[in-house]
Amino acid sequence: MIFSDRLEIESPGMLPFGYTFDDFVSGVSHVRNRVIARVFRELHLMEEWGTGYRRITEASRKGGYINPQWKEIGTTIRVTFRPHLATQEERVKKTPTELTSRQLQIKKICEENGPLSSKEIYSELRNEISERMLRNDLLNLKQLGYLETIGSGPKTKWAICSDRLKADHRESQC
């Protein structure tokens, strides 16, 4: 599951009986299926026994990320990854109405080219982001009053909100 402030990965199944998170953290390995483990080891698809947690936490530390959180929830195990520390600090500094550089770029594209479909905007961005991210940015810009939609369905066009355009024009004259 992907959230705005974290990534959560769940794996079905509980810790084996008698195995604790302390065992997991310290590298004690518990093999559930010895045949599969042996085959993976012989095919070099598995590097070492009991090193996964250590390697993940080392990579997080080296990359400047917060250590992932591991929890046993019912019959699943969940690991939660948080964004990079610099990203979190940037988020705290921003006010909710500040636009990202990408949103400013989208706004500029709409100002310069008039009403455009999301595909046309995507093309103008040279496919630098996913279509889903573009949709999120467009909806955010609409909620903030920068963009408005013209039409509906597949023929929807995105344009600078006429009320916002007037307000920005007044501000630039002051």
C-alpha atoms as a PDB file:
ATOM      1  CA  MET A   1       0.000   0.000   0.000  1.00  0.00           C
ATOM      2  CA  ILE A   2       1.341   3.407  -0.940  1.00  0.00           C
ATOM      3  CA  PHE A   3       0.381   6.422   1.166  1.00  0.00           C
ATOM      4  CA  SER A   4       1.502  10.036   0.948  1.00  0.00           C
ATOM      5  CA  ASP A   5       3.844   9.551   3.920  1.00  0.00           C
ATOM      6  CA  ARG A   6       4.838   5.868   3.795  1.00  0.00           C
ATOM      7  CA  LEU A   7       4.996   2.582   1.895  1.00  0.00           C
ATOM      8  CA  GLU A   8       3.613  -0.519   3.626  1.00  0.00           C
ATOM      9  CA  ILE A   9       4.333  -4.072   2.526  1.00  0.00           C
ATOM     10  CA  GLU A  10       2.427  -6.950   4.087  1.00  0.00           C
ATOM     11  CA  SER A  11       3.339 -10.589   3.944  1.00  0.00           C
ATOM     12  CA  PRO A  12       0.772 -13.224   4.873  1.00  0.00           C
ATOM     13  CA  GLY A  13       1.759 -15.485   7.732  1.00  0.00           C
ATOM     14  CA  MET A  14       2.859 -15.011  11.295  1.00  0.00           C
ATOM     15  CA  LEU A  15       6.271 -15.477  12.826  1.00  0.00           C
ATOM     16  CA  PRO A  16       6.999 -19.168  13.374  1.00  0.00           C
ATOM     17  CA  PHE A  17       6.096 -20.542  16.796  1.00  0.00           C
ATOM     18  CA  GLY A  18       8.743 -19.612  19.345  1.00  0.00           C
ATOM     19  CA  TYR A  19      10.431 -17.140  16.969  1.00  0.00           C
ATOM     20  CA  THR A  20      10.442 -13.500  18.096  1.00  0.00           C
ATOM     21  CA  PHE A  21      11.259 -10.158  16.511  1.00  0.00           C
ATOM     22  CA  ASP A  22      14.405 -10.121  18.657  1.00  0.00           C
ATOM     23  CA  ASP A  23      15.461 -13.327  16.858  1.00  0.00           C
ATOM     24  CA  PHE A  24      14.614 -11.712  13.527  1.00  0.00           C
ATOM     25  CA  VAL A  25      16.635  -8.552  14.295  1.00  0.00           C
ATOM     26  CA  SER A  26      19.635 -10.503  15.549  1.00  0.00           C
ATOM     27  CA  GLY A  27      19.782 -12.599  12.358  1.00  0.00           C
ATOM     28  CA  VAL A  28      18.513 -15.918  13.693  1.00  0.00           C
ATOM     29  CA  SER A  29      17.144 -17.687  10.646  1.00  0.00           C
ATOM     30  CA  HIS A  30      14.104 -19.940  10.672  1.00  0.00           C
ATOM     31  CA  VAL A  31      13.513 -21.854   7.452  1.00  0.00           C
ATOM     32  CA  ARG A  32       9.888 -22.786   6.820  1.00  0.00           C
ATOM     33  CA  ASN A  33      10.484 -24.847   3.673  1.00  0.00           C
ATOM     34  CA  ARG A  34      13.929 -26.445   3.603  1.00  0.00           C
ATOM     35  CA  VAL A  35      13.587 -27.772   0.033  1.00  0.00           C
ATOM     36  CA  ILE A  36      12.800 -24.340  -1.439  1.00  0.00           C
ATOM     37  CA  ALA A  37      15.547 -22.724   0.661  1.00  0.00           C
ATOM     38  CA  ARG A  38      18.119 -25.267  -0.536  1.00  0.00           C
ATOM     39  CA  VAL A  39      17.113 -24.858  -4.208  1.00  0.00           C
ATOM     40  CA  PHE A  40      17.264 -21.032  -3.930  1.00  0.00           C
ATOM     41  CA  ARG A  41      20.670 -21.270  -2.268  1.00  0.00           C
ATOM     42  CA  GLU A  42      22.060 -23.610  -4.951  1.00  0.00           C
ATOM     43  CA  LEU A  43      20.701 -21.364  -7.742  1.00  0.00           C
ATOM     44  CA  HIS A  44      22.340 -18.366  -6.044  1.00  0.00           C
ATOM     45  CA  LEU A  45      18.954 -16.674  -5.688  1.00  0.00           C
ATOM     46  CA  MET A  46      19.558 -16.345  -1.970  1.00  0.00           C
ATOM     47  CA  GLU A  47      22.709 -14.645  -0.714  1.00  0.00           C
ATOM     48  CA  GLU A  48      22.968 -15.538   2.956  1.00  0.00           C
ATOM     49  CA  TRP A  49      20.886 -16.904   5.799  1.00  0.00           C
ATOM     50  CA  GLY A  50      19.460 -14.391   8.243  1.00  0.00           C
ATOM     51  CA  THR A  51      20.956 -11.216   6.770  1.00  0.00           C
ATOM     52  CA  GLY A  52      17.870  -9.576   5.242  1.00  0.00           C
ATOM     53  CA  TYR A  53      16.982  -7.362   8.197  1.00  0.00           C
ATOM     54  CA  ARG A  54      20.574  -6.234   8.688  1.00  0.00           C
ATOM     55  CA  ARG A  55      21.053  -5.423   4.997  1.00  0.00           C
ATOM     56  CA  ILE A  56      17.785  -3.466   4.834  1.00  0.00           C
ATOM     57  CA  THR A  57      18.608  -1.385   7.911  1.00  0.00           C
ATOM     58  CA  GLU A  58      22.172  -0.735   6.681  1.00  0.00           C
ATOM     59  CA  ALA A  59      20.896   0.381   3.264  1.00  0.00           C
ATOM     60  CA  SER A  60      18.344   2.656   4.966  1.00  0.00           C
ATOM     61  CA  ARG A  61      21.006   4.208   7.192  1.00  0.00           C
ATOM     62  CA  LYS A  62      23.480   4.706   4.339  1.00  0.00           C
ATOM     63  CA  GLY A  63      20.790   6.250   2.154  1.00  0.00           C
ATOM     64  CA  GLY A  64      19.607   8.618   4.891  1.00  0.00           C
ATOM     65  CA  TYR A  65      16.257   6.904   5.380  1.00  0.00           C
ATOM     66  CA  ILE A  66      14.477   6.170   8.638  1.00  0.00           C
ATOM     67  CA  ASN A  67      14.753   2.501   9.614  1.00  0.00           C
ATOM     68  CA  PRO A  68      11.693   0.543   8.486  1.00  0.00           C
ATOM     69  CA  GLN A  69       9.192  -0.513  11.151  1.00  0.00           C
ATOM     70  CA  TRP A  70       8.299  -4.198  11.376  1.00  0.00           C
ATOM     71  CA  LYS A  71       5.069  -5.377  13.033  1.00  0.00           C
ATOM     72  CA  GLU A  72       3.160  -8.578  13.361  1.00  0.00           C
ATOM     73  CA  ILE A  73      -0.495  -7.708  12.819  1.00  0.00           C
ATOM     74  CA  GLY A  74      -2.868 -10.602  13.188  1.00  0.00           C
ATOM     75  CA  THR A  75      -1.826 -13.185  10.641  1.00  0.00           C
ATOM     76  CA  THR A  76       0.429 -10.880   8.638  1.00  0.00           C
ATOM     77  CA  ILE A  77       3.782  -9.170   9.001  1.00  0.00           C
ATOM     78  CA  ARG A  78       3.942  -5.534   7.917  1.00  0.00           C
ATOM     79  CA  VAL A  79       7.030  -3.483   7.147  1.00  0.00           C
ATOM     80  CA  THR A  80       6.598   0.287   6.861  1.00  0.00           C
ATOM     81  CA  PHE A  81       9.058   2.435   4.934  1.00  0.00           C
ATOM     82  CA  ARG A  82       9.099   6.207   5.473  1.00  0.00           C
ATOM     83  CA  PRO A  83      10.322   8.824   2.960  1.00  0.00           C
ATOM     84  CA  HIS A  84      13.847  10.172   2.958  1.00  0.00           C
ATOM     85  CA  LEU A  85      14.591  12.568   5.834  1.00  0.00           C
ATOM     86  CA  ALA A  86      15.248  15.478   3.439  1.00  0.00           C
ATOM     87  CA  THR A  87      11.832  14.928   1.864  1.00  0.00           C
ATOM     88  CA  GLN A  88      10.158  15.020   5.263  1.00  0.00           C
ATOM     89  CA  GLU A  89      11.959  18.244   6.217  1.00  0.00           C
ATOM     90  CA  GLU A  90      10.918  19.822   2.898  1.00  0.00           C
ATOM     91  CA  ARG A  91       7.308  18.805   3.554  1.00  0.00           C
ATOM     92  CA  VAL A  92       7.323  20.439   6.977  1.00  0.00           C
ATOM     93  CA  LYS A  93       8.707  23.697   5.536  1.00  0.00           C
ATOM     94  CA  LYS A  94       6.022  23.921   2.855  1.00  0.00           C
ATOM     95  CA  THR A  95       2.666  25.475   3.460  1.00  0.00           C
ATOM     96  CA  PRO A  96      -0.254  23.431   2.121  1.00  0.00           C
ATOM     97  CA  THR A  97      -0.872  25.919  -0.710  1.00  0.00           C
ATOM     98  CA  GLU A  98       2.716  26.033  -2.021  1.00  0.00           C
ATOM     99  CA  LEU A  99       3.111  24.358  -5.378  1.00  0.00           C
ATOM    100  CA  THR A 100       5.827  21.884  -6.248  1.00  0.00           C
ATOM    101  CA  SER A 101       8.159  22.655  -9.151  1.00  0.00           C
ATOM    102  CA  ARG A 102       6.293  20.053 -11.215  1.00  0.00           C
ATOM    103  CA  GLN A 103       2.932  21.689 -10.452  1.00  0.00           C
ATOM    104  CA  LEU A 104       4.376  25.079 -11.417  1.00  0.00           C
ATOM    105  CA  GLN A 105       5.550  23.529 -14.674  1.00  0.00           C
ATOM    106  CA  ILE A 106       2.059  22.113 -15.353  1.00  0.00           C
ATOM    107  CA  LYS A 107       0.499  25.493 -14.551  1.00  0.00           C
ATOM    108  CA  LYS A 108       2.916  27.221 -16.965  1.00  0.00           C
ATOM    109  CA  ILE A 109       2.114  24.699 -19.725  1.00  0.00           C
ATOM    110  CA  CYS A 110      -1.605  25.437 -19.317  1.00  0.00           C
ATOM    111  CA  GLU A 111      -0.989  29.209 -19.268  1.00  0.00           C
ATOM    112  CA  GLU A 112       1.070  29.111 -22.461  1.00  0.00           C
ATOM    113  CA  ASN A 113      -0.997  26.627 -24.463  1.00  0.00           C
ATOM    114  CA  GLY A 114      -4.592  27.211 -23.374  1.00  0.00           C
ATOM    115  CA  PRO A 115      -6.933  24.330 -22.594  1.00  0.00           C
ATOM    116  CA  LEU A 116      -5.197  20.952 -22.956  1.00  0.00           C
ATOM    117  CA  SER A 117      -6.147  17.350 -22.384  1.00  0.00           C
ATOM    118  CA  SER A 118      -4.221  15.429 -19.752  1.00  0.00           C
ATOM    119  CA  LYS A 119      -2.527  13.470 -22.576  1.00  0.00           C
ATOM    120  CA  GLU A 120      -1.341  16.706 -24.167  1.00  0.00           C
ATOM    121  CA  ILE A 121       0.007  17.946 -20.825  1.00  0.00           C
ATOM    122  CA  TYR A 122       1.677  14.562 -20.292  1.00  0.00           C
ATOM    123  CA  SER A 123       3.308  14.882 -23.711  1.00  0.00           C
ATOM    124  CA  GLU A 124       4.497  18.438 -22.918  1.00  0.00           C
ATOM    125  CA  LEU A 125       6.148  17.081 -19.766  1.00  0.00           C
ATOM    126  CA  ARG A 126       7.979  14.617 -22.037  1.00  0.00           C
ATOM    127  CA  ASN A 127       6.704  11.671 -20.004  1.00  0.00           C
ATOM    128  CA  GLU A 128       8.927  12.645 -17.051  1.00  0.00           C
ATOM    129  CA  ILE A 129       6.307  11.466 -14.549  1.00  0.00           C
ATOM    130  CA  SER A 130       3.703   8.728 -14.452  1.00  0.00           C
ATOM    131  CA  GLU A 131       0.206   9.423 -15.740  1.00  0.00           C
ATOM    132  CA  ARG A 132      -1.100   8.741 -12.253  1.00  0.00           C
ATOM    133  CA  MET A 133       1.203  11.394 -10.744  1.00  0.00           C
ATOM    134  CA  LEU A 134       0.031  13.853 -13.399  1.00  0.00           C
ATOM    135  CA  ARG A 135      -3.615  13.111 -12.530  1.00  0.00           C
ATOM    136  CA  ASN A 136      -2.853  13.739  -8.847  1.00  0.00           C
ATOM    137  CA  ASP A 137      -1.128  17.035  -9.669  1.00  0.00           C
ATOM    138  CA  LEU A 138      -3.975  18.157 -11.928  1.00  0.00           C
ATOM    139  CA  LEU A 139      -6.573  17.370  -9.266  1.00  0.00           C
ATOM    140  CA  ASN A 140      -4.479  19.136  -6.625  1.00  0.00           C
ATOM    141  CA  LEU A 141      -4.149  22.220  -8.849  1.00  0.00           C
ATOM    142  CA  LYS A 142      -7.909  22.145  -9.392  1.00  0.00           C
ATOM    143  CA  GLN A 143      -8.598  21.892  -5.639  1.00  0.00           C
ATOM    144  CA  LEU A 144      -6.262  24.836  -5.011  1.00  0.00           C
ATOM    145  CA  GLY A 145      -8.130  26.879  -7.608  1.00  0.00           C
ATOM    146  CA  TYR A 146      -5.353  27.120 -10.218  1.00  0.00           C
ATOM    147  CA  LEU A 147      -6.918  24.890 -12.872  1.00  0.00           C
ATOM    148  CA  GLU A 148     -10.440  24.159 -14.001  1.00  0.00           C
ATOM    149  CA  THR A 149     -11.853  21.454 -16.212  1.00  0.00           C
ATOM    150  CA  ILE A 150     -13.694  22.125 -19.430  1.00  0.00           C
ATOM    151  CA  GLY A 151     -15.973  19.330 -20.574  1.00  0.00           C
ATOM    152  CA  SER A 152     -16.126  15.832 -19.158  1.00  0.00           C
ATOM    153  CA  GLY A 153     -15.058  12.298 -19.863  1.00  0.00           C
ATOM    154  CA  PRO A 154     -12.317  11.598 -22.398  1.00  0.00           C
ATOM    155  CA  LYS A 155     -12.698  15.067 -23.945  1.00  0.00           C
ATOM    156  CA  THR A 156     -11.918  16.880 -20.676  1.00  0.00           C
ATOM    157  CA  LYS A 157      -9.535  19.810 -21.071  1.00  0.00           C
ATOM    158  CA  TRP A 158      -7.538  21.510 -18.327  1.00  0.00           C
ATOM    159  CA  ALA A 159      -7.209  25.287 -18.290  1.00  0.00           C
ATOM    160  CA  ILE A 160      -6.091  28.046 -15.963  1.00  0.00           C
ATOM    161  CA  CYS A 161      -9.004  28.904 -13.716  1.00  0.00           C
ATOM    162  CA  SER A 162     -10.437  32.224 -14.926  1.00  0.00           C
ATOM    163  CA  ASP A 163     -10.978  33.457 -11.334  1.00  0.00           C
ATOM    164  CA  ARG A 164      -7.342  32.645 -10.436  1.00  0.00           C
ATOM    165  CA  LEU A 165      -6.089  34.300 -13.615  1.00  0.00           C
ATOM    166  CA  LYS A 166      -7.896  37.520 -12.669  1.00  0.00           C
ATOM    167  CA  ALA A 167      -6.577  37.367  -9.079  1.00  0.00           C
ATOM    168  CA  ASP A 168      -2.979  36.743 -10.253  1.00  0.00           C
ATOM    169  CA  HIS A 169      -3.276  39.632 -12.712  1.00  0.00           C
ATOM    170  CA  ARG A 170      -4.466  41.966  -9.928  1.00  0.00           C
ATOM    171  CA  GLU A 171      -1.578  40.852  -7.660  1.00  0.00           C
ATOM    172  CA  SER A 172       1.008  41.489 -10.376  1.00  0.00           C
ATOM    173  CA  GLN A 173      -0.283  45.038 -10.876  1.00  0.00           C
ATOM    174  CA  CYS A 174       0.020  45.903  -7.164  1.00  0.00           C
END
